[in-house]
Amino acid sequence: MTTERISTRDAYGTALLQLGERVESLVAVDADAASSTRASVFASRFPERYLNLGISEQNMVLVAAGLALCERTVFAASFASFLVGRAYEQIRDAIAIPSLPVRLVGTHGGVTVGEDGATHQMLEDIPLMRCMPGMVTIVPCDSVEAEKATLAMAKDKRPNYLRMCREATPILTTEKTPFEIGKAYVFTPGTDVTIIACGTMVYQALLAAELLYKDGIDAEIINVPTIKPLDAETILKSVHKTKCVVTAEEGQVIGGLGGAISELLSEEYPVPIKRLGMQDRYGESGEGPELMEHFGLDAKHIRLAAHHIVNFNKALFAE
């Protein structure tokens, strides 16, 4: 890890510019939010391949679908709360059902959006997009991974959703760190508990692992940038070893990463699991770090959850 912090949405702008220089068929569409989504970087360089469709996400999604039918490589971006929340029907009917390769990019995900409050802190996008048949769902852990994800999506022929944050977050990976859609990665090996995280929560999980090591608990940290399709092999291999799990995400645990892991384990290898995330509630206005602590999403709370599940597991097997 480095002390440098860059927002994942900044990486989207960087990657989009790279793609624009290499892929002549690439078109970016936006809902009057280019400065926020960072599509403005692409728009300045390739104005003839950028469409600002105004504050009309439903129309933006339909235009993106039409461009995909015309064999354009399409990226459509807006605030996650507006893209997924406002245009869900159009995403489902015009992109998911015909399985068009449209790359949907939702920025400003999670409570770290901060002062904008509950209306802009999109917490339900991962469950909503994950449950849509055929929709690839990606949540990168840092700006480096977000750039790789954007580049990988351009080559993928399925509908894709990329979820990013507004706040600058620590850089955890390097250019040499592997990334592939559909793969999860063990960042820190361990034997006592598996902590599975995505997005901004991967950093918090790594901090928690350091605290747990001092407590005598050896935690294995798995970064899951692709929520769907889920890398069952990597996750099950870890859980067979540790026998207990903590999940951590900056979104609703119902149907999100925690839901995906629970579904997998209940069918393949039932073990004790503790899910950290938003517990059936909406966000509030405040500074990002303050809200993370308030909602129990920081390293301190991951540490407590790991202690709880490890002790519960020991008691269970003692019986």
Protein backbone atom coordinates (compact mmCIF):
# COMPACT_ATOMS: atom_id res chain seq x y z
CA MET A 1 0.00 0.00 0.00
CA THR A 2 1.06 3.59 -0.61
CA THR A 3 0.06 6.83 1.07
CA GLU A 4 -1.09 8.22 -2.29
CA ARG A 5 -4.86 8.54 -2.72
CA ILE A 6 -6.70 8.74 -6.04
CA SER A 7 -10.41 8.35 -6.68
CA THR A 8 -11.51 5.40 -8.80
CA ARG A 9 -13.58 7.78 -10.93
CA ASP A 10 -10.38 9.61 -11.88
CA ALA A 11 -9.00 6.31 -13.17
CA TYR A 12 -12.10 5.89 -15.35
CA GLY A 13 -11.32 9.19 -17.08
CA THR A 14 -7.71 8.15 -17.63
CA ALA A 15 -8.65 4.75 -19.04
CA LEU A 16 -11.37 6.18 -21.26
CA LEU A 17 -8.83 8.52 -22.85
CA GLN A 18 -6.47 5.59 -23.48
CA LEU A 19 -9.26 3.63 -25.09
CA GLY A 20 -10.27 6.58 -27.23
CA GLU A 21 -6.80 6.73 -28.71
CA ARG A 22 -6.80 3.00 -29.52
CA VAL A 23 -10.43 2.12 -30.28
CA GLU A 24 -11.93 4.18 -33.09
CA SER A 25 -15.40 2.75 -32.49
CA LEU A 26 -15.51 3.98 -28.88
CA VAL A 27 -18.27 6.41 -27.97
CA ALA A 28 -18.87 7.86 -24.50
CA VAL A 29 -22.30 9.08 -23.43
CA ASP A 30 -23.07 11.03 -20.30
CA ALA A 31 -26.01 12.60 -18.48
CA ASP A 32 -24.64 16.12 -17.98
CA ALA A 33 -22.18 14.86 -15.37
CA ALA A 34 -18.92 14.65 -17.32
CA SER A 35 -16.94 16.70 -14.80
CA SER A 36 -18.11 14.40 -12.00
CA THR A 37 -17.71 11.09 -13.83
CA ARG A 38 -14.42 12.30 -15.38
CA ALA A 39 -15.70 11.58 -18.88
CA SER A 40 -14.75 15.22 -19.51
CA VAL A 41 -11.16 14.03 -20.16
CA PHE A 42 -12.37 11.97 -23.11
CA ALA A 43 -14.82 14.67 -24.25
CA SER A 44 -12.07 17.29 -24.50
CA ARG A 45 -9.91 15.06 -26.69
CA PHE A 46 -12.65 13.40 -28.77
CA PRO A 47 -15.66 15.75 -28.83
CA GLU A 48 -17.01 14.09 -31.98
CA ARG A 49 -17.31 10.78 -30.09
CA TYR A 50 -18.86 12.17 -26.92
CA LEU A 51 -22.58 12.75 -26.36
CA ASN A 52 -23.92 14.81 -23.46
CA LEU A 53 -27.56 13.79 -23.32
CA GLY A 54 -28.54 16.07 -20.47
CA ILE A 55 -30.12 15.12 -17.19
CA SER A 56 -32.00 12.20 -18.76
CA GLU A 57 -30.46 8.90 -17.73
CA GLN A 58 -33.26 6.82 -19.23
CA ASN A 59 -32.70 8.36 -22.63
CA MET A 60 -28.92 8.02 -22.21
CA VAL A 61 -29.26 4.27 -21.65
CA LEU A 62 -31.49 3.87 -24.70
CA VAL A 63 -29.07 5.85 -26.86
CA ALA A 64 -26.21 3.68 -25.56
CA ALA A 65 -28.16 0.56 -26.51
CA GLY A 66 -28.75 1.93 -30.00
CA LEU A 67 -25.06 2.72 -30.43
CA ALA A 68 -24.18 -0.83 -29.34
CA LEU A 69 -26.53 -2.19 -32.00
CA CYS A 70 -24.56 -0.07 -34.49
CA GLU A 71 -21.39 -1.89 -33.35
CA ARG A 72 -19.98 1.02 -31.37
CA THR A 73 -17.94 0.37 -28.21
CA VAL A 74 -20.11 2.26 -25.74
CA PHE A 75 -19.50 3.60 -22.24
CA ALA A 76 -22.40 5.27 -20.45
CA ALA A 77 -21.70 7.06 -17.16
CA SER A 78 -23.56 8.99 -14.48
CA PHE A 79 -24.00 9.09 -10.73
CA ALA A 80 -24.84 5.55 -9.60
CA SER A 81 -27.98 6.71 -7.81
CA PHE A 82 -29.33 8.19 -11.03
CA LEU A 83 -27.98 5.67 -13.54
CA VAL A 84 -29.16 2.55 -11.71
CA GLY A 85 -32.01 4.08 -9.75
CA ARG A 86 -33.63 6.17 -12.47
CA ALA A 87 -32.90 4.04 -15.54
CA TYR A 88 -33.30 0.51 -14.18
CA GLU A 89 -36.14 -0.38 -16.53
CA GLN A 90 -34.22 0.82 -19.58
CA ILE A 91 -31.07 -1.03 -18.49
CA ARG A 92 -33.07 -4.22 -18.02
CA ASP A 93 -35.16 -4.04 -21.17
CA ALA A 94 -32.79 -2.40 -23.67
CA ILE A 95 -29.41 -3.73 -22.53
CA ALA A 96 -29.67 -6.79 -20.28
CA ILE A 97 -32.46 -8.72 -22.02
CA PRO A 98 -30.88 -8.41 -25.52
CA SER A 99 -27.44 -8.85 -23.88
CA LEU A 100 -25.87 -5.82 -25.52
CA PRO A 101 -22.22 -4.98 -24.72
CA VAL A 102 -22.87 -1.63 -23.08
CA ARG A 103 -20.44 -0.59 -20.34
CA LEU A 104 -22.40 1.17 -17.61
CA VAL A 105 -20.37 3.26 -15.17
CA GLY A 106 -21.89 4.42 -11.89
CA THR A 107 -19.85 6.90 -9.87
CA HIS A 108 -20.47 8.22 -6.35
CA GLY A 109 -21.26 4.81 -4.87
CA GLY A 110 -21.41 4.22 -1.12
CA VAL A 111 -21.65 6.44 1.95
CA THR A 112 -18.22 7.99 1.32
CA VAL A 113 -20.02 10.31 -1.11
CA GLY A 114 -20.37 12.17 2.17
CA GLU A 115 -22.16 15.48 2.60
CA ASP A 116 -24.56 14.96 -0.34
CA GLY A 117 -26.53 12.60 1.89
CA ALA A 118 -28.81 9.62 1.40
CA THR A 119 -30.21 10.59 -2.01
CA HIS A 120 -26.76 10.58 -3.62
CA GLN A 121 -25.17 7.78 -1.58
CA MET A 122 -26.10 4.84 -3.78
CA LEU A 123 -26.16 1.69 -1.65
CA GLU A 124 -28.46 -0.61 -3.61
CA ASP A 125 -26.70 -0.66 -6.99
CA ILE A 126 -24.66 -3.83 -6.42
CA PRO A 127 -27.73 -5.95 -5.49
CA LEU A 128 -29.81 -4.44 -8.28
CA MET A 129 -27.23 -5.01 -11.00
CA ARG A 130 -26.04 -8.37 -9.69
CA CYS A 131 -29.53 -9.86 -9.80
CA MET A 132 -30.00 -8.82 -13.43
CA PRO A 133 -29.35 -11.90 -15.63
CA GLY A 134 -26.13 -11.62 -17.60
CA MET A 135 -24.95 -8.35 -16.02
CA VAL A 136 -21.26 -8.36 -15.08
CA THR A 137 -20.81 -6.37 -11.86
CA ILE A 138 -17.42 -4.88 -10.95
CA VAL A 139 -16.30 -2.94 -7.86
CA PRO A 140 -12.58 -2.07 -8.01
CA CYS A 141 -10.56 -1.60 -4.83
CA ASP A 142 -8.41 1.32 -6.01
CA SER A 143 -7.66 3.58 -8.96
CA VAL A 144 -5.14 1.19 -10.53
CA GLU A 145 -7.66 -1.64 -10.52
CA ALA A 146 -10.40 0.70 -11.77
CA GLU A 147 -8.27 1.61 -14.78
CA LYS A 148 -7.62 -2.05 -15.54
CA ALA A 149 -11.31 -2.84 -15.15
CA THR A 150 -12.30 -0.10 -17.59
CA LEU A 151 -9.82 -1.38 -20.17
CA ALA A 152 -11.01 -4.97 -19.67
CA MET A 153 -14.66 -3.98 -20.04
CA ALA A 154 -13.97 -2.53 -23.48
CA LYS A 155 -13.07 -6.03 -24.69
CA ASP A 156 -15.91 -7.82 -22.91
CA LYS A 157 -18.98 -8.56 -25.03
CA ARG A 158 -21.45 -8.78 -22.14
CA PRO A 159 -23.40 -5.99 -20.40
CA ASN A 160 -21.11 -4.57 -17.72
CA TYR A 161 -21.60 -2.38 -14.67
CA LEU A 162 -18.63 -0.64 -13.03
CA ARG A 163 -19.23 0.85 -9.57
CA MET A 164 -16.86 3.59 -8.40
CA CYS A 165 -16.51 6.09 -5.57
CA ARG A 166 -16.04 9.84 -5.41
CA GLU A 167 -13.59 10.07 -2.52
CA ALA A 168 -9.87 9.61 -3.12
CA THR A 169 -8.80 6.24 -1.72
CA PRO A 170 -5.41 4.62 -1.01
CA ILE A 171 -3.62 2.82 -3.83
CA LEU A 172 -3.34 -0.86 -2.87
CA THR A 173 -2.21 -2.44 -6.13
CA THR A 174 0.41 -1.87 -8.81
CA GLU A 175 0.55 -2.17 -12.57
CA LYS A 176 1.85 -5.73 -12.08
CA THR A 177 -1.03 -6.79 -9.82
CA PRO A 178 -3.23 -9.16 -11.84
CA PHE A 179 -6.77 -8.24 -12.80
CA GLU A 180 -9.24 -10.26 -14.80
CA ILE A 181 -13.00 -9.97 -14.90
CA GLY A 182 -14.43 -12.84 -12.87
CA LYS A 183 -11.38 -13.34 -10.64
CA ALA A 184 -10.84 -12.75 -6.91
CA TYR A 185 -7.42 -12.28 -5.37
CA VAL A 186 -5.85 -13.20 -2.04
CA PHE A 187 -4.07 -10.05 -0.87
CA THR A 188 -2.96 -11.35 2.52
CA PRO A 189 -2.77 -15.10 3.28
CA GLY A 190 -4.07 -16.38 6.62
CA THR A 191 -5.43 -19.42 8.40
CA ASP A 192 -7.92 -18.29 11.08
CA VAL A 193 -10.60 -16.28 9.25
CA THR A 194 -11.37 -15.26 5.68
CA ILE A 195 -12.21 -11.58 5.25
CA ILE A 196 -13.77 -10.91 1.85
CA ALA A 197 -14.09 -7.30 0.73
CA CYS A 198 -14.68 -5.14 -2.33
CA GLY A 199 -14.17 -1.52 -3.27
CA THR A 200 -13.12 0.92 -0.55
CA MET A 201 -13.54 -1.79 2.08
CA VAL A 202 -10.49 -3.73 0.88
CA TYR A 203 -8.25 -1.05 2.42
CA GLN A 204 -10.18 -1.25 5.69
CA ALA A 205 -9.88 -5.06 5.64
CA LEU A 206 -6.09 -4.84 5.20
CA LEU A 207 -5.86 -2.44 8.15
CA ALA A 208 -8.00 -4.83 10.19
CA ALA A 209 -5.69 -7.72 9.30
CA GLU A 210 -2.75 -5.83 10.80
CA LEU A 211 -4.69 -5.27 14.02
CA LEU A 212 -5.84 -8.88 14.13
CA TYR A 213 -2.30 -10.15 13.67
CA LYS A 214 -1.32 -8.30 16.84
CA ASP A 215 -4.29 -10.01 18.52
CA GLY A 216 -3.02 -13.43 17.48
CA ILE A 217 -5.56 -13.92 14.68
CA ASP A 218 -4.22 -14.74 11.22
CA ALA A 219 -6.69 -13.27 8.73
CA GLU A 220 -6.79 -14.05 5.02
CA ILE A 221 -7.88 -11.02 2.99
CA ILE A 222 -9.55 -11.58 -0.37
CA ASN A 223 -10.25 -8.75 -2.79
CA VAL A 224 -13.35 -9.48 -4.88
CA PRO A 225 -13.48 -6.85 -7.64
CA THR A 226 -15.99 -8.88 -9.66
CA ILE A 227 -19.15 -9.51 -7.68
CA LYS A 228 -20.66 -11.26 -10.69
CA PRO A 229 -19.52 -13.65 -12.04
CA LEU A 230 -18.18 -14.64 -8.63
CA ASP A 231 -14.86 -16.48 -8.34
CA ALA A 232 -16.20 -19.42 -6.32
CA GLU A 233 -12.98 -21.44 -6.62
CA THR A 234 -10.75 -18.87 -4.90
CA ILE A 235 -13.29 -18.15 -2.18
CA LEU A 236 -14.07 -21.78 -1.37
CA LYS A 237 -10.39 -22.70 -1.29
CA SER A 238 -9.84 -20.07 1.40
CA VAL A 239 -12.94 -20.94 3.41
CA HIS A 240 -12.10 -24.66 3.44
CA LYS A 241 -8.95 -23.60 5.26
CA THR A 242 -10.29 -20.99 7.71
CA LYS A 243 -13.81 -22.34 8.34
CA CYS A 244 -15.31 -18.86 8.97
CA VAL A 245 -15.94 -15.66 7.01
CA VAL A 246 -16.41 -11.91 7.37
CA THR A 247 -17.61 -9.90 4.37
CA ALA A 248 -17.18 -6.14 4.07
CA GLU A 249 -18.76 -3.77 1.56
CA GLU A 250 -19.81 -0.14 1.27
CA GLY A 251 -23.38 -0.92 0.33
CA GLN A 252 -26.43 -2.92 1.38
CA VAL A 253 -25.51 -6.36 2.70
CA ILE A 254 -28.87 -7.65 1.46
CA GLY A 255 -28.11 -8.94 -2.03
CA GLY A 256 -24.67 -7.33 -2.26
CA LEU A 257 -21.26 -8.93 -1.79
CA GLY A 258 -22.37 -10.39 1.54
CA GLY A 259 -25.45 -11.83 -0.11
CA ALA A 260 -23.41 -13.34 -2.94
CA ILE A 261 -20.96 -14.99 -0.54
CA SER A 262 -23.78 -16.26 1.69
CA GLU A 263 -25.52 -17.83 -1.30
CA LEU A 264 -22.31 -19.54 -2.39
CA LEU A 265 -21.45 -20.90 1.05
CA SER A 266 -24.96 -22.06 1.87
CA GLU A 267 -24.92 -24.28 -1.21
CA GLU A 268 -21.28 -25.37 -1.28
CA TYR A 269 -19.72 -25.16 2.19
CA PRO A 270 -21.86 -23.82 5.08
CA VAL A 271 -19.71 -22.07 7.70
CA PRO A 272 -20.29 -19.17 10.15
CA ILE A 273 -20.38 -15.81 8.37
CA LYS A 274 -20.66 -12.20 9.52
CA ARG A 275 -21.67 -9.58 6.95
CA LEU A 276 -20.53 -5.97 7.38
CA GLY A 277 -22.13 -3.25 5.31
CA MET A 278 -25.22 -1.12 5.40
CA GLN A 279 -27.73 -3.00 7.52
CA ASP A 280 -31.07 -2.26 5.83
CA ARG A 281 -30.80 1.50 6.20
CA TYR A 282 -29.98 4.59 4.16
CA GLY A 283 -26.99 6.89 4.46
CA GLU A 284 -26.72 10.28 6.13
CA SER A 285 -24.94 13.53 5.46
CA GLY A 286 -21.44 13.82 6.88
CA GLU A 287 -17.77 13.44 6.05
CA GLY A 288 -16.77 10.12 4.48
CA PRO A 289 -14.52 8.79 7.28
CA GLU A 290 -17.04 9.90 9.89
CA LEU A 291 -19.81 7.99 8.15
CA MET A 292 -17.66 4.89 7.73
CA GLU A 293 -17.14 4.76 11.48
CA HIS A 294 -20.76 5.65 12.23
CA PHE A 295 -22.09 2.78 10.13
CA GLY A 296 -19.50 0.27 11.34
CA LEU A 297 -17.56 0.06 8.09
CA ASP A 298 -14.04 0.83 9.30
CA ALA A 299 -11.12 -1.41 10.25
CA LYS A 300 -12.06 -1.31 13.92
CA HIS A 301 -15.44 -2.87 13.24
CA ILE A 302 -14.00 -5.47 10.85
CA ARG A 303 -11.59 -6.45 13.61
CA LEU A 304 -14.46 -6.85 16.10
CA ALA A 305 -16.45 -8.91 13.59
CA ALA A 306 -13.48 -11.19 12.99
CA HIS A 307 -13.03 -11.75 16.73
CA HIS A 308 -16.73 -12.56 17.06
CA ILE A 309 -16.81 -15.06 14.20
CA VAL A 310 -13.56 -16.77 15.21
CA ASN A 311 -14.76 -17.20 18.80
CA PHE A 312 -18.16 -18.37 17.58
CA ASN A 313 -16.48 -20.89 15.30
CA LYS A 314 -14.29 -22.23 18.12
CA ALA A 315 -17.31 -22.65 20.38
CA LEU A 316 -19.24 -24.35 17.60
CA PHE A 317 -16.59 -26.95 16.93
CA ALA A 318 -15.93 -27.39 20.66
CA GLU A 319 -19.47 -28.64 20.99
